[in-house]
C-alpha cells in the first residue's frame, strides 16, 4: 500500500514510518518544527510541508494519493496548550481540518493518533475503557477531541474510513528531553547528564507508560485488520498505573544514580490519575503490549547513552 505518515519525522511517527517501510511504500509529511530528517531511513521521501499551508497541501495531494494516511502531526504538550491555546488549536484542529479537506476527494483510510492520557479527564474508574465519555481538562485534550469529531464527520459525509487510536503516555528512543512533555525522556536525559530533576506536584499522580514499539505495533495491527478496526475508536495502553515518583526511582536505579527529584507546585490542566483499558483493540486485532516498563526504560536509556556518547565524540573531534 501507499501510506503517508504526517509528523513522520517526529518521535512516534519516525518509528512508525520505519516499520511500515518494510512492507509498504511510505511517504512522510513533516514541517520539521520538532521532527528531524535524521530520524528516517534515507530512502523514505520526506515532504517538508506544514498542515496549515493549505495551498502546499493541495498541491501535494494533486500529485500524490494514498490508500492510508497515518495522522500523527500535532502539538502534544498539555502545558504548552494551556499557555498558548490558540496555537494548540491552530495545529491540532485547523491542521487536521485542512488535511481532511485536502484528501476528501480520494477518500483514504485515515488512522488518527489521538490522546487517551488527556481526552477522558479525571475518572473514578481505572483503567478507563472507550465507553467512558471524554471530558478533557486541557486545551490539548479539547483539540484532540475536536480532531476526532471532525474525522468522524468527514468519514460520514465523504465516505472514507477512519480509525482513532487514543494513546497513553508514549515513551522511548527519539523522544525529545527538551520541553515539558515526555517525562521518561526528561528524567533519562537529565539523570544521565547529572542535571537536577523535578516533579510537578507530590509525585503520586499516575500515568500509563507505553513503549513506542508497542504503539507502532498497534498501528500495524489495525492495518492488518481493516474489517474489525475501521470506523472505530481504540485505546492503546497497558492498563498499568505508575506513579511519577516510582518512575523517577526506576530510571535513577537503571542509571545508577541516587539523585532525588525536586518537587514543584502542580501544573493546571493535568489529570491526577490515568490508565487505559485496551481490551477492545485486543479483541479486534489480538494486539497487546509486549514491553515491560523495565525493558522499555532500559532500551530508552541505552538510546540516550548512545546519542550522548556520539555527541561527546563529535564535540571532541
Protein backbone atom coordinates (compact mmCIF):
# COMPACT_ATOMS: atom_id res chain seq x y z
CA UNK A 1 0.00 0.00 0.00
CA UNK A 2 0.95 3.64 -0.43
CA UNK A 3 0.91 5.20 3.03
CA UNK A 4 1.51 8.76 4.20
CA UNK A 5 2.66 9.45 7.76
CA UNK A 6 2.10 13.04 8.87
CA UNK A 7 4.52 14.05 11.59
CA UNK A 8 6.61 11.15 10.33
CA UNK A 9 9.97 12.70 11.21
CA UNK A 10 8.98 13.03 14.85
CA UNK A 11 9.24 10.68 17.80
CA UNK A 12 6.39 8.21 17.24
CA UNK A 13 5.96 8.99 13.54
CA UNK A 14 9.52 8.08 12.60
CA UNK A 15 9.30 4.71 14.34
CA UNK A 16 6.00 4.05 12.55
CA UNK A 17 7.31 5.15 9.13
CA UNK A 18 10.38 2.95 9.56
CA UNK A 19 8.25 -0.09 10.43
CA UNK A 20 5.78 0.49 7.60
CA UNK A 21 8.62 0.96 5.12
CA UNK A 22 9.46 -2.75 5.36
CA UNK A 23 6.30 -3.81 3.52
CA UNK A 24 4.75 -0.64 2.06
CA UNK A 25 5.55 2.44 0.01
CA UNK A 26 5.82 5.16 2.64
CA UNK A 27 5.96 8.93 2.33
CA UNK A 28 6.41 11.36 5.21
CA UNK A 29 4.96 14.84 5.59
CA UNK A 30 6.50 16.95 8.36
CA UNK A 31 7.23 20.65 8.88
CA UNK A 32 10.32 19.70 10.94
CA UNK A 33 9.33 22.00 13.79
CA UNK A 34 10.16 19.17 16.19
CA UNK A 35 10.93 16.26 13.87
CA UNK A 36 14.32 15.53 12.31
CA UNK A 37 15.26 14.13 8.92
CA UNK A 38 17.90 12.01 10.63
CA UNK A 39 15.14 10.01 12.33
CA UNK A 40 14.16 8.44 8.99
CA UNK A 41 15.82 5.97 6.65
CA UNK A 42 17.29 7.99 3.73
CA UNK A 43 15.10 6.27 1.13
CA UNK A 44 11.79 7.40 2.67
CA UNK A 45 10.65 10.55 0.83
CA UNK A 46 10.14 13.49 3.18
CA UNK A 47 7.95 16.43 2.17
CA UNK A 48 8.56 19.49 4.31
CA UNK A 49 5.02 20.88 4.43
CA UNK A 50 3.09 22.50 7.27
CA UNK A 51 -0.52 21.34 7.61
CA UNK A 52 -1.56 24.98 7.95
CA UNK A 53 -0.26 25.72 4.45
CA UNK A 54 -3.44 24.94 2.53
CA UNK A 55 -2.01 25.64 -0.94
CA UNK A 56 1.05 23.47 -0.35
CA UNK A 57 -1.18 20.65 0.89
CA UNK A 58 -3.49 20.88 -2.11
CA UNK A 59 -0.50 20.89 -4.47
CA UNK A 60 0.99 17.84 -2.77
CA UNK A 61 -2.21 15.81 -2.96
CA UNK A 62 -2.75 16.83 -6.56
CA UNK A 63 0.42 14.85 -7.33
CA UNK A 64 0.24 12.12 -4.67
CA UNK A 65 -2.62 9.96 -3.49
CA UNK A 66 -2.54 7.41 -0.70
CA UNK A 67 -4.55 4.43 0.38
CA UNK A 68 -3.80 5.11 4.05
CA UNK A 69 -2.86 8.25 5.97
CA UNK A 70 -1.50 7.86 9.49
CA UNK A 71 -2.05 11.29 11.00
CA UNK A 72 0.39 11.95 13.83
CA UNK A 73 1.37 15.59 13.20
CA UNK A 74 0.31 17.51 16.30
CA UNK A 75 1.15 19.82 19.16
CA UNK A 76 1.42 17.30 22.02
CA UNK A 77 2.31 19.31 25.12
CA UNK A 78 -0.50 19.81 27.66
CA UNK A 79 1.31 22.66 29.39
CA UNK A 80 2.03 24.48 26.13
CA UNK A 81 -1.64 24.17 25.23
CA UNK A 82 -2.56 25.94 28.46
CA UNK A 83 -0.06 28.72 27.87
CA UNK A 84 -0.96 29.13 24.17
CA UNK A 85 -4.39 27.56 23.49
CA UNK A 86 -4.77 29.46 20.22
CA UNK A 87 -1.58 27.92 18.81
CA UNK A 88 -2.61 24.48 20.05
CA UNK A 89 -5.97 24.81 18.29
CA UNK A 90 -4.33 26.01 15.09
CA UNK A 91 -2.08 22.96 14.86
CA UNK A 92 -4.38 20.26 16.20
CA UNK A 93 -7.77 21.44 14.97
CA UNK A 94 -7.13 23.60 11.89
CA UNK A 95 -4.19 21.44 10.78
CA UNK A 96 -6.32 18.29 10.96
CA UNK A 97 -9.23 20.01 9.25
CA UNK A 98 -7.07 21.23 6.36
CA UNK A 99 -5.60 17.76 5.92
CA UNK A 100 -9.07 16.20 5.76
CA UNK A 101 -10.27 18.81 3.30
CA UNK A 102 -7.25 18.21 1.07
CA UNK A 103 -7.71 14.41 0.89
CA UNK A 104 -11.50 14.12 0.79
CA UNK A 105 -11.59 13.59 -2.99
CA UNK A 106 -9.64 10.29 -2.92
CA UNK A 107 -11.08 9.02 0.39
CA UNK A 108 -8.09 7.36 2.12
CA UNK A 109 -8.30 5.35 5.30
CA UNK A 110 -7.21 7.83 7.99
CA UNK A 111 -5.69 6.40 11.16
CA UNK A 112 -5.60 9.21 13.72
CA UNK A 113 -3.28 9.36 16.72
CA UNK A 114 -5.39 10.85 19.48
CA UNK A 115 -4.78 11.01 23.22
CA UNK A 116 -6.01 8.68 25.92
CA UNK A 117 -3.96 10.49 28.53
CA UNK A 118 -5.78 13.81 28.20
CA UNK A 119 -9.10 13.19 26.48
CA UNK A 120 -11.01 11.43 29.27
CA UNK A 121 -10.25 13.77 32.12
CA UNK A 122 -10.38 12.57 35.71
CA UNK A 123 -12.25 9.27 36.06
CA UNK A 124 -13.09 7.20 39.11
CA UNK A 125 -12.91 4.01 37.06
CA UNK A 126 -9.44 2.79 36.14
CA UNK A 127 -8.29 1.56 33.72
CA UNK A 128 -10.52 3.69 31.51
CA UNK A 129 -12.47 1.96 28.73
CA UNK A 130 -13.55 3.64 25.48
CA UNK A 131 -17.14 3.68 26.75
CA UNK A 132 -16.25 6.43 29.23
CA UNK A 133 -17.29 9.84 27.83
CA UNK A 134 -14.46 12.28 27.05
CA UNK A 135 -14.13 15.17 29.49
CA UNK A 136 -10.81 16.87 28.68
CA UNK A 137 -9.36 19.24 31.26
CA UNK A 138 -6.82 20.98 28.99
CA UNK A 139 -6.87 22.73 25.62
CA UNK A 140 -4.73 19.88 24.26
CA UNK A 141 -7.36 17.31 25.18
CA UNK A 142 -10.07 19.54 23.74
CA UNK A 143 -8.23 19.99 20.45
CA UNK A 144 -7.61 16.26 20.02
CA UNK A 145 -11.27 15.54 20.74
CA UNK A 146 -12.21 18.13 18.10
CA UNK A 147 -9.90 16.33 15.67
CA UNK A 148 -11.69 13.06 16.38
CA UNK A 149 -15.08 14.65 15.79
CA UNK A 150 -14.01 16.27 12.53
CA UNK A 151 -12.58 12.96 11.34
CA UNK A 152 -15.84 11.16 12.10
CA UNK A 153 -17.78 13.92 10.35
CA UNK A 154 -15.65 13.72 7.21
CA UNK A 155 -15.88 9.95 7.29
CA UNK A 156 -19.67 10.11 7.27
CA UNK A 157 -20.05 12.88 4.72
CA UNK A 158 -17.29 11.94 2.25
CA UNK A 159 -17.38 8.20 2.76
CA UNK A 160 -13.83 7.37 3.77
CA UNK A 161 -12.93 5.01 6.62
CA UNK A 162 -11.16 6.09 9.77
CA UNK A 163 -9.68 4.59 12.91
CA UNK A 164 -8.95 6.58 16.07
CA UNK A 165 -6.21 5.40 18.42
CA UNK A 166 -6.19 7.03 21.85
CA UNK A 167 -2.60 6.68 23.00
CA UNK A 168 -1.42 6.51 26.61
CA UNK A 169 1.87 8.17 27.66
CA UNK A 170 4.26 7.01 24.96
CA UNK A 171 8.00 6.88 25.66
CA UNK A 172 11.12 5.51 24.02
CA UNK A 173 14.13 6.36 21.84
CA UNK A 174 14.00 9.62 19.83
CA UNK A 175 11.65 11.35 22.27
CA UNK A 176 12.91 14.86 22.96
CA UNK A 177 14.04 15.58 26.54
CA UNK A 178 13.88 19.32 25.89
CA UNK A 179 10.50 20.71 26.85
CA UNK A 180 7.69 19.79 29.21
CA UNK A 181 6.22 16.70 27.52
CA UNK A 182 7.78 13.26 27.81
CA UNK A 183 8.73 12.73 31.44
CA UNK A 184 10.64 9.50 30.72
CA UNK A 185 12.87 11.29 28.22
CA UNK A 186 13.37 14.22 30.59
CA UNK A 187 14.30 12.01 33.55
CA UNK A 188 16.55 9.83 31.40
CA UNK A 189 18.48 12.67 29.83
CA UNK A 190 18.90 14.71 33.00
CA UNK A 191 19.94 11.77 35.18
CA UNK A 192 22.43 10.56 32.56
CA UNK A 193 23.97 14.03 32.32
CA UNK A 194 23.97 14.68 36.08
CA UNK A 195 21.46 17.51 35.93
CA UNK A 196 18.75 18.13 38.55
CA UNK A 197 15.31 16.63 38.01
CA UNK A 198 11.94 17.88 39.20
CA UNK A 199 8.39 16.70 39.61
CA UNK A 200 5.34 18.93 39.49
CA UNK A 201 3.09 18.03 42.42
CA UNK A 202 3.67 15.34 45.03
CA UNK A 203 4.76 12.65 42.56
CA UNK A 204 1.89 10.31 43.41
CA UNK A 205 -0.05 11.16 40.27
CA UNK A 206 -0.21 8.11 38.00
CA UNK A 207 0.27 7.60 34.28
CA UNK A 208 0.07 4.70 31.84
CA UNK A 209 3.51 4.48 30.23
CA UNK A 210 3.65 2.53 26.96
CA UNK A 211 6.77 1.82 24.91
CA UNK A 212 6.88 3.26 21.40
CA UNK A 213 7.44 -0.13 19.73
CA UNK A 214 4.16 -1.38 21.21
CA UNK A 215 2.37 1.70 19.89
CA UNK A 216 3.81 1.10 16.41
CA UNK A 217 2.59 -2.50 16.58
CA UNK A 218 -0.88 -1.19 17.47
CA UNK A 219 -0.93 0.81 14.22
CA UNK A 220 0.33 -2.21 12.30
CA UNK A 221 -2.29 -4.49 13.83
CA UNK A 222 -5.02 -2.05 12.81
CA UNK A 223 -3.74 -2.09 9.23
CA UNK A 224 -3.85 -5.87 9.21
CA UNK A 225 -7.47 -5.97 10.43
CA UNK A 226 -9.48 -3.37 8.49
CA UNK A 227 -12.82 -5.15 8.84
CA UNK A 228 -12.73 -5.04 12.65
CA UNK A 229 -11.00 -1.67 13.13
CA UNK A 230 -12.39 0.78 10.59
CA UNK A 231 -14.76 3.44 11.93
CA UNK A 232 -13.82 2.54 15.49
CA UNK A 233 -12.10 4.16 18.49
CA UNK A 234 -9.48 2.19 20.44
CA UNK A 235 -7.36 2.83 23.50
CA UNK A 236 -3.67 1.96 23.23
CA UNK A 237 -2.23 1.47 26.69
CA UNK A 238 -1.00 -1.05 29.23
CA UNK A 239 -3.77 -0.73 31.88
CA UNK A 240 -0.94 -0.25 34.41
CA UNK A 241 -0.82 2.91 36.53
CA UNK A 242 2.67 4.04 37.60
CA UNK A 243 3.32 6.97 39.90
CA UNK A 244 5.71 9.63 38.64
CA UNK A 245 7.88 9.27 41.73
CA UNK A 246 8.12 5.49 41.15
CA UNK A 247 9.08 6.18 37.53
CA UNK A 248 11.86 8.51 38.69
CA UNK A 249 13.13 5.84 41.09
CA UNK A 250 13.19 3.21 38.33
CA UNK A 251 15.06 5.44 35.88
CA UNK A 252 17.53 6.51 38.58
CA UNK A 253 18.12 2.87 39.57
CA UNK A 254 18.92 1.88 35.99
CA UNK A 255 21.24 4.87 35.59
CA UNK A 256 22.89 4.05 38.92
CA UNK A 257 22.02 7.42 40.43
CA UNK A 258 20.86 8.11 43.97
CA UNK A 259 19.58 11.54 42.98
CA UNK A 260 16.26 12.69 44.42
CA UNK A 261 13.95 14.98 42.44
CA UNK A 262 12.90 18.48 43.41
CA UNK A 263 9.17 18.97 43.93
CA UNK A 264 7.44 21.97 42.37
CA UNK A 265 3.80 23.14 42.50
CA UNK A 266 1.42 21.06 40.35
CA UNK A 267 0.54 22.27 36.87
CA UNK A 268 -3.02 23.16 35.88
CA UNK A 269 -4.84 21.00 33.34
CA UNK A 270 -3.12 17.72 34.18
CA UNK A 271 -5.21 14.81 35.43
CA UNK A 272 -4.32 13.14 38.71
CA UNK A 273 -4.70 9.51 37.62
CA UNK A 274 -4.82 7.79 34.25
CA UNK A 275 -4.52 4.31 32.77
CA UNK A 276 -6.20 2.83 29.72
CA UNK A 277 -8.18 -0.34 29.16
CA UNK A 278 -7.10 -1.64 25.72
CA UNK A 279 -9.11 -4.87 25.65
CA UNK A 280 -11.23 -3.62 22.75
CA UNK A 281 -8.16 -3.45 20.49
CA UNK A 282 -7.08 -6.90 21.66
CA UNK A 283 -10.50 -8.29 20.76
CA UNK A 284 -10.39 -6.64 17.32
CA UNK A 285 -6.79 -7.47 16.37
CA UNK A 286 -5.08 -9.58 19.02
CA UNK A 287 -2.80 -6.63 19.91
CA UNK A 288 -1.44 -6.28 23.41
CA UNK A 289 1.62 -4.51 24.81
CA UNK A 290 4.68 -6.75 24.98
CA UNK A 291 7.30 -4.49 26.57
CA UNK A 292 7.59 -4.23 30.35
CA UNK A 293 8.38 -0.86 31.85
CA UNK A 294 11.81 -2.11 32.93
CA UNK A 295 12.60 -3.31 29.40
CA UNK A 296 11.35 -0.10 27.83
CA UNK A 297 13.33 2.10 30.20
CA UNK A 298 16.48 0.08 29.54
CA UNK A 299 16.05 0.50 25.76
CA UNK A 300 15.35 4.22 26.16
CA UNK A 301 18.37 4.80 28.38
CA UNK A 302 20.61 2.83 26.00
CA UNK A 303 19.49 5.03 23.10
CA UNK A 304 20.12 8.22 25.10
CA UNK A 305 23.51 6.92 26.21
CA UNK A 306 24.47 6.16 22.61
CA UNK A 307 23.41 9.63 21.49
CA UNK A 308 25.31 11.30 24.32
CA UNK A 309 28.44 9.26 23.61
CA UNK A 310 28.30 10.09 19.89
CA UNK A 311 27.76 13.77 20.66
CA UNK A 312 30.69 13.86 23.05
CA UNK A 313 32.92 12.12 20.48
CA UNK A 314 31.88 14.57 17.76
CA UNK A 315 32.47 17.51 20.07
CA UNK A 316 35.97 16.25 20.90
CA UNK A 317 36.69 15.70 17.22
